[in-house]
Amino acid sequence: MPRYIVERDFPEEFQMPLDAAGVRACLAWVEVNRSEEVFWLQSYMSANKRKSFCLYEAASPEAIRRASNRNRLPVTRITEIRVLDPYFYT
């Protein structure tokens, strides 16, 4: 399955509660993603919490957009990627 980096720009600082409400929000996102066959692998947040870079596996960018819309998450850019690491050359 292809992998993608999804860039998200937030108009204000992104806040994720570090309690049961945050857990519920993440589980809800994962459930919506699964229904679209989108799999969230990892995310990175900028220091000012207004931009994120998320790694996904999905059949297509359109599937990611559908899941993001349903999860009420912005999508700035979707880029298909391939793994390149130092072990590739050994």
C-alpha atoms as a PDB file:
ATOM      1  CA  MET A   1       0.000   0.000   0.000  1.00  0.00           C
ATOM      2  CA  PRO A   2       1.375   3.461  -0.847  1.00  0.00           C
ATOM      3  CA  ARG A   3       2.639   5.771   1.891  1.00  0.00           C
ATOM      4  CA  TYR A   4       1.954   9.475   2.101  1.00  0.00           C
ATOM      5  CA  ILE A   5       3.057  12.490   4.118  1.00  0.00           C
ATOM      6  CA  VAL A   6       0.075  14.707   4.899  1.00  0.00           C
ATOM      7  CA  GLU A   7       0.864  18.298   5.821  1.00  0.00           C
ATOM      8  CA  ARG A   8      -1.746  20.073   7.904  1.00  0.00           C
ATOM      9  CA  ASP A   9      -1.820  23.806   8.677  1.00  0.00           C
ATOM     10  CA  PHE A  10      -3.935  24.815  11.656  1.00  0.00           C
ATOM     11  CA  PRO A  11      -5.269  28.390  11.974  1.00  0.00           C
ATOM     12  CA  GLU A  12      -4.554  28.301  15.706  1.00  0.00           C
ATOM     13  CA  GLU A  13      -2.361  26.202  17.982  1.00  0.00           C
ATOM     14  CA  PHE A  14      -3.497  22.576  17.793  1.00  0.00           C
ATOM     15  CA  GLN A  15      -4.615  21.342  21.208  1.00  0.00           C
ATOM     16  CA  MET A  16      -4.942  17.654  22.034  1.00  0.00           C
ATOM     17  CA  PRO A  17      -6.072  16.876  25.579  1.00  0.00           C
ATOM     18  CA  LEU A  18      -3.716  14.551  27.459  1.00  0.00           C
ATOM     19  CA  ASP A  19      -6.560  12.733  29.169  1.00  0.00           C
ATOM     20  CA  ALA A  20      -9.462  10.407  28.369  1.00  0.00           C
ATOM     21  CA  ALA A  21     -10.944  13.001  25.977  1.00  0.00           C
ATOM     22  CA  GLY A  22      -7.741  12.916  23.909  1.00  0.00           C
ATOM     23  CA  VAL A  23      -7.823   9.122  23.845  1.00  0.00           C
ATOM     24  CA  ARG A  24     -11.434   9.171  22.644  1.00  0.00           C
ATOM     25  CA  ALA A  25     -10.594  11.695  19.910  1.00  0.00           C
ATOM     26  CA  CYS A  26      -7.679   9.586  18.622  1.00  0.00           C
ATOM     27  CA  LEU A  27      -9.740   6.391  18.673  1.00  0.00           C
ATOM     28  CA  ALA A  28     -12.541   8.126  16.768  1.00  0.00           C
ATOM     29  CA  TRP A  29     -10.067   9.335  14.112  1.00  0.00           C
ATOM     30  CA  VAL A  30      -8.623   5.832  13.770  1.00  0.00           C
ATOM     31  CA  GLU A  31     -12.112   4.357  13.352  1.00  0.00           C
ATOM     32  CA  VAL A  32     -13.056   6.836  10.623  1.00  0.00           C
ATOM     33  CA  ASN A  33      -9.706   6.240   8.914  1.00  0.00           C
ATOM     34  CA  ARG A  34     -10.224   2.479   9.003  1.00  0.00           C
ATOM     35  CA  SER A  35     -13.618   2.844   7.320  1.00  0.00           C
ATOM     36  CA  GLU A  36     -11.832   4.628   4.446  1.00  0.00           C
ATOM     37  CA  GLU A  37      -8.922   2.103   4.489  1.00  0.00           C
ATOM     38  CA  VAL A  38      -6.542   4.821   5.671  1.00  0.00           C
ATOM     39  CA  PHE A  39      -3.936   3.934   8.303  1.00  0.00           C
ATOM     40  CA  TRP A  40      -2.307   6.625  10.441  1.00  0.00           C
ATOM     41  CA  LEU A  41       1.248   5.554  11.290  1.00  0.00           C
ATOM     42  CA  GLN A  42       2.896   8.547  12.942  1.00  0.00           C
ATOM     43  CA  SER A  43       2.743  12.331  13.244  1.00  0.00           C
ATOM     44  CA  TYR A  44       5.129  15.176  13.950  1.00  0.00           C
ATOM     45  CA  MET A  45       4.027  18.592  15.206  1.00  0.00           C
ATOM     46  CA  SER A  46       5.879  21.871  14.665  1.00  0.00           C
ATOM     47  CA  ALA A  47       7.176  23.670  17.753  1.00  0.00           C
ATOM     48  CA  ASN A  48       4.425  26.311  17.487  1.00  0.00           C
ATOM     49  CA  LYS A  49       1.744  23.556  17.159  1.00  0.00           C
ATOM     50  CA  ARG A  50       0.292  25.093  13.994  1.00  0.00           C
ATOM     51  CA  LYS A  51       1.634  22.589  11.443  1.00  0.00           C
ATOM     52  CA  SER A  52       1.767  18.805  11.437  1.00  0.00           C
ATOM     53  CA  PHE A  53       3.354  16.190   9.212  1.00  0.00           C
ATOM     54  CA  CYS A  54       1.579  12.842   9.342  1.00  0.00           C
ATOM     55  CA  LEU A  55       2.622   9.515   7.859  1.00  0.00           C
ATOM     56  CA  TYR A  56      -0.198   7.394   6.417  1.00  0.00           C
ATOM     57  CA  GLU A  57      -0.721   4.262   4.395  1.00  0.00           C
ATOM     58  CA  ALA A  58      -3.710   4.495   2.062  1.00  0.00           C
ATOM     59  CA  ALA A  59      -4.894   3.378  -1.329  1.00  0.00           C
ATOM     60  CA  SER A  60      -5.002   6.956  -2.614  1.00  0.00           C
ATOM     61  CA  PRO A  61      -4.756  10.633  -1.680  1.00  0.00           C
ATOM     62  CA  GLU A  62      -8.527  10.835  -2.199  1.00  0.00           C
ATOM     63  CA  ALA A  63      -9.099   8.284   0.584  1.00  0.00           C
ATOM     64  CA  ILE A  64      -6.962  10.421   2.901  1.00  0.00           C
ATOM     65  CA  ARG A  65      -8.931  13.536   1.968  1.00  0.00           C
ATOM     66  CA  ARG A  66     -12.252  11.778   2.634  1.00  0.00           C
ATOM     67  CA  ALA A  67     -11.082  10.562   6.059  1.00  0.00           C
ATOM     68  CA  SER A  68      -9.620  13.971   6.932  1.00  0.00           C
ATOM     69  CA  ASN A  69     -12.862  15.726   5.964  1.00  0.00           C
ATOM     70  CA  ARG A  70     -14.883  13.321   8.095  1.00  0.00           C
ATOM     71  CA  ASN A  71     -12.437  13.831  10.989  1.00  0.00           C
ATOM     72  CA  ARG A  72     -12.616  17.628  10.529  1.00  0.00           C
ATOM     73  CA  LEU A  73      -8.851  17.854  10.004  1.00  0.00           C
ATOM     74  CA  PRO A  74      -7.317  20.240   7.462  1.00  0.00           C
ATOM     75  CA  VAL A  75      -5.208  18.972   4.565  1.00  0.00           C
ATOM     76  CA  THR A  76      -2.637  21.357   3.105  1.00  0.00           C
ATOM     77  CA  ARG A  77      -0.664  18.919   0.972  1.00  0.00           C
ATOM     78  CA  ILE A  78      -0.446  15.171   0.353  1.00  0.00           C
ATOM     79  CA  THR A  79       2.821  13.759  -0.996  1.00  0.00           C
ATOM     80  CA  GLU A  80       3.384  10.127  -1.921  1.00  0.00           C
ATOM     81  CA  ILE A  81       6.692   8.939  -0.479  1.00  0.00           C
ATOM     82  CA  ARG A  82       9.045   5.977  -0.578  1.00  0.00           C
ATOM     83  CA  VAL A  83      11.378   4.902   2.191  1.00  0.00           C
ATOM     84  CA  LEU A  84      15.013   5.883   1.765  1.00  0.00           C
ATOM     85  CA  ASP A  85      17.337   5.275   4.652  1.00  0.00           C
ATOM     86  CA  PRO A  86      21.076   4.641   5.128  1.00  0.00           C
ATOM     87  CA  TYR A  87      20.536   0.877   5.155  1.00  0.00           C
ATOM     88  CA  PHE A  88      19.321   0.997   1.543  1.00  0.00           C
ATOM     89  CA  TYR A  89      22.957   1.095   0.388  1.00  0.00           C
ATOM     90  CA  THR A  90      24.278  -1.809   2.484  1.00  0.00           C
END
